[in-house]
C-alpha cells in the first residue's frame, strides 16, 4: 500500500523538491501528538508472541505520516509488527539512525515486504564500523548498498537537519560540543588504511514537536544525549523538552559521563523518559529510581501516545 504521504516522500527522495507545508495547511494532520511503538528491542514486555533481540526499531506516527526508525538486528520486526497488528506496508519512510548491524540488520526483510520507500541516512552510513573489544569484529551494515537499492531502498543522503513531516525532523549530523560525552572507546573505523576511533558522524535522531514540547527519539545516541538535546533545541526553535525515548548508550559510558548526563536530564523537568536498548539494565534501573513514574523501560511491544494524558501508563 502506498499512501499519498509516501508518494510525496518518494518524490522528494528522487528530486529533493517537494514541500510538505501543504500537509499542515490542509488541516488533515495532527501535529500535536506522536505515537511511538517499540517493534524491536533487547527485551519483550507483553506476552503476545513477540521476539526480543539485541537491537532497536521504533514506529513513529505523527502528522499523518508513519516513519520507521531503524529495523532491529535480524528482521524480527516483521513478526513482531504482525503480532501487534502493525502494517509495515503502510510505512511512508525509513530513517536509519546509524550504520550498526543491530539497527540495520532488518533492512533487507523490511524492504522485501515494503518495496520502494525513501530511506534517510547520513552519508557515512555505510562506513566500516568495527568493535575492537572483546574481540575485533565488523559491526556495520550487513548488506551492500546495491542489494538494498534492488529491494526498493531510495536513499536520501542527509548530513543536515531536515523536516520530513510537519513538526518531525531528522537531526542530521549532531555537533559534538560537550566535554564529557566522549563516545565509546571500543568502537573503531578505518580511514586511509588506518584504524582510528570511530567518530560515528552518521549518528542521527528524530525530533518531534508536540503541543507540550519536544519529543526526542534516539537510535543509540552515539553523539551524546546532551549534544542531541541541545541540537534539537537549535534545529526546531523549541526549548521545552517533553520527553526522550530510545537508546542512550549510557551503559558503556564512563561513570563521569553517566552522572553528568543524568544531572542534565534532571534539569529538563521531563514528563516522559523511556531509555532502552544500549542504555543497559543497570543504568535503566538507576534512571527508574531517580525519575520514578516519569521513567518507562520501553521493551518490544510498548506503545506510547505523547503527550501522555491523565491515567496513561
C-alpha atoms as a PDB file:
ATOM      1  CA  UNK A   1       0.000   0.000   0.000  1.00  0.00           C
ATOM      2  CA  UNK A   2       1.354   3.404  -0.974  1.00  0.00           C
ATOM      3  CA  UNK A   3      -0.118   6.414   0.813  1.00  0.00           C
ATOM      4  CA  UNK A   4      -0.198   9.937  -0.529  1.00  0.00           C
ATOM      5  CA  UNK A   5       2.356  10.869   2.081  1.00  0.00           C
ATOM      6  CA  UNK A   6       4.632   8.040   0.953  1.00  0.00           C
ATOM      7  CA  UNK A   7       4.295   9.110  -2.685  1.00  0.00           C
ATOM      8  CA  UNK A   8       5.285  12.626  -1.711  1.00  0.00           C
ATOM      9  CA  UNK A   9       8.305  11.421   0.275  1.00  0.00           C
ATOM     10  CA  UNK A  10       9.335   9.129  -2.581  1.00  0.00           C
ATOM     11  CA  UNK A  11       9.169  12.068  -4.988  1.00  0.00           C
ATOM     12  CA  UNK A  12      11.255  14.066  -2.546  1.00  0.00           C
ATOM     13  CA  UNK A  13      13.814  11.273  -2.438  1.00  0.00           C
ATOM     14  CA  UNK A  14      14.081  11.405  -6.207  1.00  0.00           C
ATOM     15  CA  UNK A  15      14.223  15.129  -6.880  1.00  0.00           C
ATOM     16  CA  UNK A  16      14.533  16.816  -3.464  1.00  0.00           C
ATOM     17  CA  UNK A  17      11.996  19.492  -4.370  1.00  0.00           C
ATOM     18  CA  UNK A  18       8.698  18.587  -2.694  1.00  0.00           C
ATOM     19  CA  UNK A  19       7.494  20.837   0.143  1.00  0.00           C
ATOM     20  CA  UNK A  20       5.479  19.250   2.944  1.00  0.00           C
ATOM     21  CA  UNK A  21       3.947  22.518   4.170  1.00  0.00           C
ATOM     22  CA  UNK A  22       0.680  21.854   2.352  1.00  0.00           C
ATOM     23  CA  UNK A  23       0.079  18.782   4.524  1.00  0.00           C
ATOM     24  CA  UNK A  24      -0.322  21.029   7.552  1.00  0.00           C
ATOM     25  CA  UNK A  25      -2.292  23.614   5.605  1.00  0.00           C
ATOM     26  CA  UNK A  26      -4.998  21.072   4.734  1.00  0.00           C
ATOM     27  CA  UNK A  27      -5.871  20.697   8.414  1.00  0.00           C
ATOM     28  CA  UNK A  28      -5.986  16.918   7.931  1.00  0.00           C
ATOM     29  CA  UNK A  29      -2.911  16.066  10.000  1.00  0.00           C
ATOM     30  CA  UNK A  30      -2.357  16.128  13.744  1.00  0.00           C
ATOM     31  CA  UNK A  31       0.916  17.790  14.698  1.00  0.00           C
ATOM     32  CA  UNK A  32       0.073  17.946  18.399  1.00  0.00           C
ATOM     33  CA  UNK A  33       0.829  14.328  19.319  1.00  0.00           C
ATOM     34  CA  UNK A  34       3.063  11.437  18.358  1.00  0.00           C
ATOM     35  CA  UNK A  35       2.507   7.707  18.710  1.00  0.00           C
ATOM     36  CA  UNK A  36       5.615   5.566  19.184  1.00  0.00           C
ATOM     37  CA  UNK A  37       5.529   1.762  19.051  1.00  0.00           C
ATOM     38  CA  UNK A  38       8.584  -0.304  20.013  1.00  0.00           C
ATOM     39  CA  UNK A  39       8.809  -3.031  17.354  1.00  0.00           C
ATOM     40  CA  UNK A  40      12.239  -4.370  18.301  1.00  0.00           C
ATOM     41  CA  UNK A  41      14.281  -4.146  21.479  1.00  0.00           C
ATOM     42  CA  UNK A  42      16.505  -6.322  23.673  1.00  0.00           C
ATOM     43  CA  UNK A  43      13.552  -7.326  25.846  1.00  0.00           C
ATOM     44  CA  UNK A  44       9.863  -8.145  25.444  1.00  0.00           C
ATOM     45  CA  UNK A  45       7.257  -6.520  27.636  1.00  0.00           C
ATOM     46  CA  UNK A  46       3.970  -8.211  26.745  1.00  0.00           C
ATOM     47  CA  UNK A  47       3.028 -11.895  26.229  1.00  0.00           C
ATOM     48  CA  UNK A  48       1.903 -11.542  22.627  1.00  0.00           C
ATOM     49  CA  UNK A  49       4.291 -13.804  20.746  1.00  0.00           C
ATOM     50  CA  UNK A  50       6.958 -11.135  20.319  1.00  0.00           C
ATOM     51  CA  UNK A  51      10.684 -11.847  19.950  1.00  0.00           C
ATOM     52  CA  UNK A  52      13.400  -9.841  21.645  1.00  0.00           C
ATOM     53  CA  UNK A  53      16.781  -9.240  20.019  1.00  0.00           C
ATOM     54  CA  UNK A  54      19.796  -7.032  20.570  1.00  0.00           C
ATOM     55  CA  UNK A  55      18.584  -4.119  18.501  1.00  0.00           C
ATOM     56  CA  UNK A  56      16.044  -1.356  18.136  1.00  0.00           C
ATOM     57  CA  UNK A  57      13.201  -0.398  15.819  1.00  0.00           C
ATOM     58  CA  UNK A  58      10.558   2.248  16.552  1.00  0.00           C
ATOM     59  CA  UNK A  59       7.458   3.115  14.538  1.00  0.00           C
ATOM     60  CA  UNK A  60       6.749   6.839  14.778  1.00  0.00           C
ATOM     61  CA  UNK A  61       3.296   8.090  13.757  1.00  0.00           C
ATOM     62  CA  UNK A  62       2.668  11.823  13.597  1.00  0.00           C
ATOM     63  CA  UNK A  63       1.294  14.478  11.266  1.00  0.00           C
ATOM     64  CA  UNK A  64      -0.346  11.853   9.064  1.00  0.00           C
ATOM     65  CA  UNK A  65       2.953  10.055   8.454  1.00  0.00           C
ATOM     66  CA  UNK A  66       4.289   6.664   9.531  1.00  0.00           C
ATOM     67  CA  UNK A  67       8.052   6.708   9.894  1.00  0.00           C
ATOM     68  CA  UNK A  68      10.130   3.655  10.829  1.00  0.00           C
ATOM     69  CA  UNK A  69      13.284   4.458  12.783  1.00  0.00           C
ATOM     70  CA  UNK A  70      15.709   1.550  12.365  1.00  0.00           C
ATOM     71  CA  UNK A  71      14.932  -2.114  11.743  1.00  0.00           C
ATOM     72  CA  UNK A  72      16.431  -4.117  14.608  1.00  0.00           C
ATOM     73  CA  UNK A  73      19.027  -6.854  14.273  1.00  0.00           C
ATOM     74  CA  UNK A  74      17.554  -9.872  12.494  1.00  0.00           C
ATOM     75  CA  UNK A  75      14.272  -8.958  10.875  1.00  0.00           C
ATOM     76  CA  UNK A  76      12.046  -9.909  13.794  1.00  0.00           C
ATOM     77  CA  UNK A  77      10.196  -6.623  13.289  1.00  0.00           C
ATOM     78  CA  UNK A  78       8.080  -8.360  10.639  1.00  0.00           C
ATOM     79  CA  UNK A  79       6.676 -10.975  13.009  1.00  0.00           C
ATOM     80  CA  UNK A  80       6.540  -8.511  15.898  1.00  0.00           C
ATOM     81  CA  UNK A  81       4.658  -5.969  13.816  1.00  0.00           C
ATOM     82  CA  UNK A  82       2.180  -8.637  12.722  1.00  0.00           C
ATOM     83  CA  UNK A  83       1.636  -9.674  16.349  1.00  0.00           C
ATOM     84  CA  UNK A  84       0.986  -6.037  17.246  1.00  0.00           C
ATOM     85  CA  UNK A  85      -1.326  -5.590  14.215  1.00  0.00           C
ATOM     86  CA  UNK A  86       1.005  -3.014  12.685  1.00  0.00           C
ATOM     87  CA  UNK A  87       1.020  -2.943   8.882  1.00  0.00           C
ATOM     88  CA  UNK A  88       4.592  -2.243   7.781  1.00  0.00           C
ATOM     89  CA  UNK A  89       3.422  -1.875   4.174  1.00  0.00           C
ATOM     90  CA  UNK A  90       1.949   1.467   5.257  1.00  0.00           C
ATOM     91  CA  UNK A  91       5.321   2.881   6.354  1.00  0.00           C
ATOM     92  CA  UNK A  92       5.973   6.125   4.475  1.00  0.00           C
ATOM     93  CA  UNK A  93       9.724   6.353   5.053  1.00  0.00           C
ATOM     94  CA  UNK A  94      12.583   4.595   6.809  1.00  0.00           C
ATOM     95  CA  UNK A  95      15.085   6.636   8.820  1.00  0.00           C
ATOM     96  CA  UNK A  96      18.334   4.933   9.825  1.00  0.00           C
ATOM     97  CA  UNK A  97      19.864   6.325  13.000  1.00  0.00           C
ATOM     98  CA  UNK A  98      23.333   4.975  12.131  1.00  0.00           C
ATOM     99  CA  UNK A  99      25.102   2.157  10.355  1.00  0.00           C
ATOM    100  CA  UNK A 100      25.391  -0.530  13.037  1.00  0.00           C
ATOM    101  CA  UNK A 101      24.123  -4.074  12.456  1.00  0.00           C
ATOM    102  CA  UNK A 102      21.725  -4.064  15.410  1.00  0.00           C
ATOM    103  CA  UNK A 103      19.777  -1.200  13.836  1.00  0.00           C
ATOM    104  CA  UNK A 104      20.171  -2.126  10.163  1.00  0.00           C
ATOM    105  CA  UNK A 105      20.010  -5.934  10.236  1.00  0.00           C
ATOM    106  CA  UNK A 106      16.287  -5.968   9.489  1.00  0.00           C
ATOM    107  CA  UNK A 107      16.535  -3.694   6.448  1.00  0.00           C
ATOM    108  CA  UNK A 108      16.517  -6.490   3.882  1.00  0.00           C
ATOM    109  CA  UNK A 109      13.431  -8.222   5.279  1.00  0.00           C
ATOM    110  CA  UNK A 110      11.602  -4.924   5.722  1.00  0.00           C
ATOM    111  CA  UNK A 111      12.350  -3.803   2.160  1.00  0.00           C
ATOM    112  CA  UNK A 112      11.272  -7.167   0.748  1.00  0.00           C
ATOM    113  CA  UNK A 113       7.912  -6.578   2.415  1.00  0.00           C
ATOM    114  CA  UNK A 114       7.540  -2.842   1.838  1.00  0.00           C
ATOM    115  CA  UNK A 115       9.125  -2.337  -1.569  1.00  0.00           C
ATOM    116  CA  UNK A 116      10.125   1.110  -2.812  1.00  0.00           C
ATOM    117  CA  UNK A 117      10.424   3.610   0.006  1.00  0.00           C
ATOM    118  CA  UNK A 118      12.598   6.628   0.896  1.00  0.00           C
ATOM    119  CA  UNK A 119      15.444   5.707   3.252  1.00  0.00           C
ATOM    120  CA  UNK A 120      17.040   8.667   5.032  1.00  0.00           C
ATOM    121  CA  UNK A 121      20.669   8.095   6.004  1.00  0.00           C
ATOM    122  CA  UNK A 122      23.808  10.079   6.778  1.00  0.00           C
ATOM    123  CA  UNK A 123      26.498   9.940   4.049  1.00  0.00           C
ATOM    124  CA  UNK A 124      28.704   7.869   6.413  1.00  0.00           C
ATOM    125  CA  UNK A 125      26.013   5.221   6.893  1.00  0.00           C
ATOM    126  CA  UNK A 126      27.981   2.544   5.030  1.00  0.00           C
ATOM    127  CA  UNK A 127      31.304   3.446   6.666  1.00  0.00           C
ATOM    128  CA  UNK A 128      33.350   0.487   8.012  1.00  0.00           C
ATOM    129  CA  UNK A 129      32.245   0.292  11.640  1.00  0.00           C
ATOM    130  CA  UNK A 130      34.142  -2.108  13.925  1.00  0.00           C
ATOM    131  CA  UNK A 131      34.241  -3.049  17.587  1.00  0.00           C
ATOM    132  CA  UNK A 132      37.737  -3.617  18.984  1.00  0.00           C
ATOM    133  CA  UNK A 133      36.699  -5.361  22.199  1.00  0.00           C
ATOM    134  CA  UNK A 134      36.264  -8.014  23.462  1.00  0.00           C
ATOM    135  CA  UNK A 135      37.498  -9.100  20.038  1.00  0.00           C
ATOM    136  CA  UNK A 136      37.723  -7.188  16.804  1.00  0.00           C
ATOM    137  CA  UNK A 137      34.656  -7.654  14.640  1.00  0.00           C
ATOM    138  CA  UNK A 138      32.727  -5.852  11.941  1.00  0.00           C
ATOM    139  CA  UNK A 139      29.523  -4.331  13.334  1.00  0.00           C
ATOM    140  CA  UNK A 140      28.448  -2.200  10.388  1.00  0.00           C
ATOM    141  CA  UNK A 141      25.563  -2.567   7.935  1.00  0.00           C
ATOM    142  CA  UNK A 142      25.402  -6.257   6.947  1.00  0.00           C
ATOM    143  CA  UNK A 143      24.210  -5.531   3.392  1.00  0.00           C
ATOM    144  CA  UNK A 144      25.678  -3.658   0.466  1.00  0.00           C
ATOM    145  CA  UNK A 145      24.034  -0.565  -0.941  1.00  0.00           C
ATOM    146  CA  UNK A 146      23.195  -2.147  -4.304  1.00  0.00           C
ATOM    147  CA  UNK A 147      21.334  -5.052  -2.712  1.00  0.00           C
ATOM    148  CA  UNK A 148      19.189  -2.721  -0.629  1.00  0.00           C
ATOM    149  CA  UNK A 149      18.512  -0.475  -3.628  1.00  0.00           C
ATOM    150  CA  UNK A 150      17.449  -3.513  -5.660  1.00  0.00           C
ATOM    151  CA  UNK A 151      14.852  -4.228  -2.969  1.00  0.00           C
ATOM    152  CA  UNK A 152      13.402  -0.713  -3.129  1.00  0.00           C
ATOM    153  CA  UNK A 153      15.587   1.486  -0.912  1.00  0.00           C
ATOM    154  CA  UNK A 154      15.659   5.017  -2.331  1.00  0.00           C
ATOM    155  CA  UNK A 155      18.476   6.505  -0.291  1.00  0.00           C
ATOM    156  CA  UNK A 156      18.270  10.145   0.700  1.00  0.00           C
ATOM    157  CA  UNK A 157      21.706  11.217   1.911  1.00  0.00           C
ATOM    158  CA  UNK A 158      21.292  13.786   4.655  1.00  0.00           C
ATOM    159  CA  UNK A 159      24.052  15.469   6.631  1.00  0.00           C
ATOM    160  CA  UNK A 160      21.946  18.472   7.678  1.00  0.00           C
ATOM    161  CA  UNK A 161      18.732  18.713   9.709  1.00  0.00           C
ATOM    162  CA  UNK A 162      15.625  18.148   7.641  1.00  0.00           C
ATOM    163  CA  UNK A 163      11.903  18.343   8.308  1.00  0.00           C
ATOM    164  CA  UNK A 164      10.340  15.260   6.715  1.00  0.00           C
ATOM    165  CA  UNK A 165       6.808  15.825   8.023  1.00  0.00           C
ATOM    166  CA  UNK A 166       5.162  18.784   9.746  1.00  0.00           C
ATOM    167  CA  UNK A 167       6.897  19.059  13.106  1.00  0.00           C
ATOM    168  CA  UNK A 168       9.094  15.966  12.559  1.00  0.00           C
ATOM    169  CA  UNK A 169      12.805  16.497  11.959  1.00  0.00           C
ATOM    170  CA  UNK A 170      15.757  14.291  11.142  1.00  0.00           C
ATOM    171  CA  UNK A 171      18.628  15.658  13.197  1.00  0.00           C
ATOM    172  CA  UNK A 172      21.307  15.294  10.579  1.00  0.00           C
ATOM    173  CA  UNK A 173      24.854  15.170  11.902  1.00  0.00           C
ATOM    174  CA  UNK A 174      24.946  16.290  15.537  1.00  0.00           C
ATOM    175  CA  UNK A 175      27.752  18.691  16.598  1.00  0.00           C
ATOM    176  CA  UNK A 176      29.839  17.328  19.482  1.00  0.00           C
ATOM    177  CA  UNK A 177      30.097  20.206  21.937  1.00  0.00           C
ATOM    178  CA  UNK A 178      30.142  18.778  25.470  1.00  0.00           C
ATOM    179  CA  UNK A 179      33.475  17.913  27.040  1.00  0.00           C
ATOM    180  CA  UNK A 180      32.218  14.851  28.954  1.00  0.00           C
ATOM    181  CA  UNK A 181      30.445  12.905  26.174  1.00  0.00           C
ATOM    182  CA  UNK A 182      33.486  11.028  24.937  1.00  0.00           C
ATOM    183  CA  UNK A 183      31.971   8.331  22.774  1.00  0.00           C
ATOM    184  CA  UNK A 184      32.526   4.578  23.054  1.00  0.00           C
ATOM    185  CA  UNK A 185      36.253   3.771  23.158  1.00  0.00           C
ATOM    186  CA  UNK A 186      35.587   0.226  21.915  1.00  0.00           C
ATOM    187  CA  UNK A 187      34.398   1.455  18.515  1.00  0.00           C
ATOM    188  CA  UNK A 188      36.824   1.991  15.622  1.00  0.00           C
ATOM    189  CA  UNK A 189      36.708   2.660  11.907  1.00  0.00           C
ATOM    190  CA  UNK A 190      39.204   2.652   9.056  1.00  0.00           C
ATOM    191  CA  UNK A 191      40.296   5.828   7.270  1.00  0.00           C
ATOM    192  CA  UNK A 192      43.166   5.940   4.786  1.00  0.00           C
ATOM    193  CA  UNK A 193      44.082   2.411   5.741  1.00  0.00           C
ATOM    194  CA  UNK A 194      44.449   3.267   9.419  1.00  0.00           C
ATOM    195  CA  UNK A 195      42.273   2.230  12.344  1.00  0.00           C
ATOM    196  CA  UNK A 196      41.055   5.248  14.310  1.00  0.00           C
ATOM    197  CA  UNK A 197      38.390   5.863  16.974  1.00  0.00           C
ATOM    198  CA  UNK A 198      35.031   5.830  15.221  1.00  0.00           C
ATOM    199  CA  UNK A 199      33.514   9.345  15.308  1.00  0.00           C
ATOM    200  CA  UNK A 200      30.146   7.878  14.276  1.00  0.00           C
ATOM    201  CA  UNK A 201      29.251  11.013  12.382  1.00  0.00           C
ATOM    202  CA  UNK A 202      26.298   9.070  10.984  1.00  0.00           C
ATOM    203  CA  UNK A 203      24.504   9.039  14.363  1.00  0.00           C
ATOM    204  CA  UNK A 204      21.106  10.707  13.871  1.00  0.00           C
ATOM    205  CA  UNK A 205      17.885  11.077  15.871  1.00  0.00           C
ATOM    206  CA  UNK A 206      14.325  12.289  15.294  1.00  0.00           C
ATOM    207  CA  UNK A 207      12.893  15.472  16.824  1.00  0.00           C
ATOM    208  CA  UNK A 208       9.111  15.705  17.098  1.00  0.00           C
ATOM    209  CA  UNK A 209       7.327  18.928  18.025  1.00  0.00           C
ATOM    210  CA  UNK A 210       4.200  18.457  20.144  1.00  0.00           C
ATOM    211  CA  UNK A 211       1.966  20.995  21.834  1.00  0.00           C
ATOM    212  CA  UNK A 212       3.768  20.325  25.134  1.00  0.00           C
ATOM    213  CA  UNK A 213       7.338  20.441  23.854  1.00  0.00           C
ATOM    214  CA  UNK A 214       9.834  18.295  22.003  1.00  0.00           C
ATOM    215  CA  UNK A 215       9.862  14.524  21.962  1.00  0.00           C
ATOM    216  CA  UNK A 216      13.371  13.334  21.120  1.00  0.00           C
ATOM    217  CA  UNK A 217      13.601   9.856  19.581  1.00  0.00           C
ATOM    218  CA  UNK A 218      17.032   8.257  19.820  1.00  0.00           C
ATOM    219  CA  UNK A 219      18.648   5.368  17.996  1.00  0.00           C
ATOM    220  CA  UNK A 220      21.797   4.862  20.060  1.00  0.00           C
ATOM    221  CA  UNK A 221      22.794   8.462  20.920  1.00  0.00           C
ATOM    222  CA  UNK A 222      26.429   7.916  19.980  1.00  0.00           C
ATOM    223  CA  UNK A 223      26.653  11.701  19.583  1.00  0.00           C
ATOM    224  CA  UNK A 224      25.788  12.082  23.271  1.00  0.00           C
ATOM    225  CA  UNK A 225      22.352  12.649  24.775  1.00  0.00           C
ATOM    226  CA  UNK A 226      23.147  16.212  25.861  1.00  0.00           C
ATOM    227  CA  UNK A 227      24.587  17.136  22.470  1.00  0.00           C
ATOM    228  CA  UNK A 228      21.468  15.725  20.807  1.00  0.00           C
ATOM    229  CA  UNK A 229      19.037  17.594  23.057  1.00  0.00           C
ATOM    230  CA  UNK A 230      20.815  20.924  22.608  1.00  0.00           C
ATOM    231  CA  UNK A 231      20.965  20.356  18.851  1.00  0.00           C
ATOM    232  CA  UNK A 232      17.219  19.615  18.832  1.00  0.00           C
ATOM    233  CA  UNK A 233      16.539  22.938  20.527  1.00  0.00           C
ATOM    234  CA  UNK A 234      18.589  24.824  17.942  1.00  0.00           C
ATOM    235  CA  UNK A 235      17.090  22.997  14.964  1.00  0.00           C
ATOM    236  CA  UNK A 236      13.431  23.266  15.952  1.00  0.00           C
ATOM    237  CA  UNK A 237      13.481  26.523  17.891  1.00  0.00           C
ATOM    238  CA  UNK A 238      11.601  24.754  20.702  1.00  0.00           C
ATOM    239  CA  UNK A 239      13.277  24.939  24.106  1.00  0.00           C
ATOM    240  CA  UNK A 240      10.888  22.788  26.163  1.00  0.00           C
ATOM    241  CA  UNK A 241      11.769  19.063  26.174  1.00  0.00           C
ATOM    242  CA  UNK A 242       8.687  16.977  26.921  1.00  0.00           C
ATOM    243  CA  UNK A 243      10.251  13.540  26.622  1.00  0.00           C
ATOM    244  CA  UNK A 244      13.037  11.287  25.367  1.00  0.00           C
ATOM    245  CA  UNK A 245      12.803   7.701  24.131  1.00  0.00           C
ATOM    246  CA  UNK A 246      15.334   5.238  22.742  1.00  0.00           C
ATOM    247  CA  UNK A 247      18.891   4.082  23.250  1.00  0.00           C
ATOM    248  CA  UNK A 248      21.087   6.457  25.257  1.00  0.00           C
ATOM    249  CA  UNK A 249      24.367   4.492  25.062  1.00  0.00           C
ATOM    250  CA  UNK A 250      24.936   5.300  28.718  1.00  0.00           C
ATOM    251  CA  UNK A 251      25.538   1.628  29.508  1.00  0.00           C
ATOM    252  CA  UNK A 252      29.154   1.558  28.258  1.00  0.00           C
ATOM    253  CA  UNK A 253      29.821   5.220  29.132  1.00  0.00           C
ATOM    254  CA  UNK A 254      32.149   6.302  31.923  1.00  0.00           C
ATOM    255  CA  UNK A 255      30.743   6.979  35.384  1.00  0.00           C
ATOM    256  CA  UNK A 256      31.556  10.657  34.841  1.00  0.00           C
ATOM    257  CA  UNK A 257      29.518  10.777  31.644  1.00  0.00           C
ATOM    258  CA  UNK A 258      26.639   8.879  33.215  1.00  0.00           C
ATOM    259  CA  UNK A 259      26.440  11.216  36.207  1.00  0.00           C
ATOM    260  CA  UNK A 260      26.803  14.402  34.145  1.00  0.00           C
ATOM    261  CA  UNK A 261      24.109  13.248  31.727  1.00  0.00           C
ATOM    262  CA  UNK A 262      21.704  12.297  34.498  1.00  0.00           C
ATOM    263  CA  UNK A 263      22.225  15.655  36.195  1.00  0.00           C
ATOM    264  CA  UNK A 264      21.453  17.370  32.894  1.00  0.00           C
ATOM    265  CA  UNK A 265      18.307  15.269  32.380  1.00  0.00           C
ATOM    266  CA  UNK A 266      17.101  16.131  35.872  1.00  0.00           C
ATOM    267  CA  UNK A 267      17.301  19.801  34.939  1.00  0.00           C
ATOM    268  CA  UNK A 268      14.966  19.338  31.966  1.00  0.00           C
ATOM    269  CA  UNK A 269      11.868  18.610  34.076  1.00  0.00           C
ATOM    270  CA  UNK A 270      10.968  15.763  31.738  1.00  0.00           C
ATOM    271  CA  UNK A 271       7.439  14.389  31.687  1.00  0.00           C
ATOM    272  CA  UNK A 272       8.458  11.199  29.887  1.00  0.00           C
ATOM    273  CA  UNK A 273      11.711   9.207  29.737  1.00  0.00           C
ATOM    274  CA  UNK A 274      11.937   5.776  28.095  1.00  0.00           C
ATOM    275  CA  UNK A 275      15.589   4.748  27.893  1.00  0.00           C
ATOM    276  CA  UNK A 276      16.120   1.291  26.417  1.00  0.00           C
ATOM    277  CA  UNK A 277      18.472  -0.836  24.266  1.00  0.00           C
ATOM    278  CA  UNK A 278      22.093   0.352  24.743  1.00  0.00           C
ATOM    279  CA  UNK A 279      21.176   2.175  27.955  1.00  0.00           C
ATOM    280  CA  UNK A 280      21.750  -1.157  29.694  1.00  0.00           C
ATOM    281  CA  UNK A 281      19.698  -2.617  32.539  1.00  0.00           C
ATOM    282  CA  UNK A 282      21.821  -1.249  35.430  1.00  0.00           C
ATOM    283  CA  UNK A 283      21.613   2.324  34.117  1.00  0.00           C
ATOM    284  CA  UNK A 284      17.943   1.935  33.212  1.00  0.00           C
ATOM    285  CA  UNK A 285      17.204   0.725  36.741  1.00  0.00           C
ATOM    286  CA  UNK A 286      19.133   3.707  38.124  1.00  0.00           C
ATOM    287  CA  UNK A 287      17.123   6.084  35.939  1.00  0.00           C
ATOM    288  CA  UNK A 288      13.892   4.435  37.069  1.00  0.00           C
ATOM    289  CA  UNK A 289      14.857   5.021  40.702  1.00  0.00           C
ATOM    290  CA  UNK A 290      15.678   8.686  40.022  1.00  0.00           C
ATOM    291  CA  UNK A 291      12.792   9.634  37.737  1.00  0.00           C
ATOM    292  CA  UNK A 292      10.074   7.471  39.259  1.00  0.00           C
ATOM    293  CA  UNK A 293       6.785   7.380  37.290  1.00  0.00           C
ATOM    294  CA  UNK A 294       8.274   9.554  34.549  1.00  0.00           C
ATOM    295  CA  UNK A 295      10.507   6.619  33.548  1.00  0.00           C
ATOM    296  CA  UNK A 296       9.455   3.727  31.288  1.00  0.00           C
ATOM    297  CA  UNK A 297      11.539   0.687  30.277  1.00  0.00           C
ATOM    298  CA  UNK A 298      10.150   0.578  26.687  1.00  0.00           C
ATOM    299  CA  UNK A 299      10.578  -3.085  25.693  1.00  0.00           C
ATOM    300  CA  UNK A 300       9.314  -4.559  22.431  1.00  0.00           C
ATOM    301  CA  UNK A 301       5.539  -4.214  22.358  1.00  0.00           C
ATOM    302  CA  UNK A 302       5.393  -0.959  24.304  1.00  0.00           C
ATOM    303  CA  UNK A 303       3.324   1.813  22.740  1.00  0.00           C
ATOM    304  CA  UNK A 304       3.099   5.438  23.834  1.00  0.00           C
ATOM    305  CA  UNK A 305       0.903   8.309  22.702  1.00  0.00           C
ATOM    306  CA  UNK A 306       2.667  11.524  23.638  1.00  0.00           C
ATOM    307  CA  UNK A 307       1.962  13.824  25.354  1.00  0.00           C
ATOM    308  CA  UNK A 308       0.543  11.368  27.882  1.00  0.00           C
ATOM    309  CA  UNK A 309      -2.942  12.042  29.189  1.00  0.00           C
ATOM    310  CA  UNK A 310      -4.032  11.572  32.795  1.00  0.00           C
ATOM    311  CA  UNK A 311      -4.262   7.865  33.543  1.00  0.00           C
ATOM    312  CA  UNK A 312      -1.913   6.793  30.741  1.00  0.00           C
ATOM    313  CA  UNK A 313       0.934   4.440  31.672  1.00  0.00           C
END
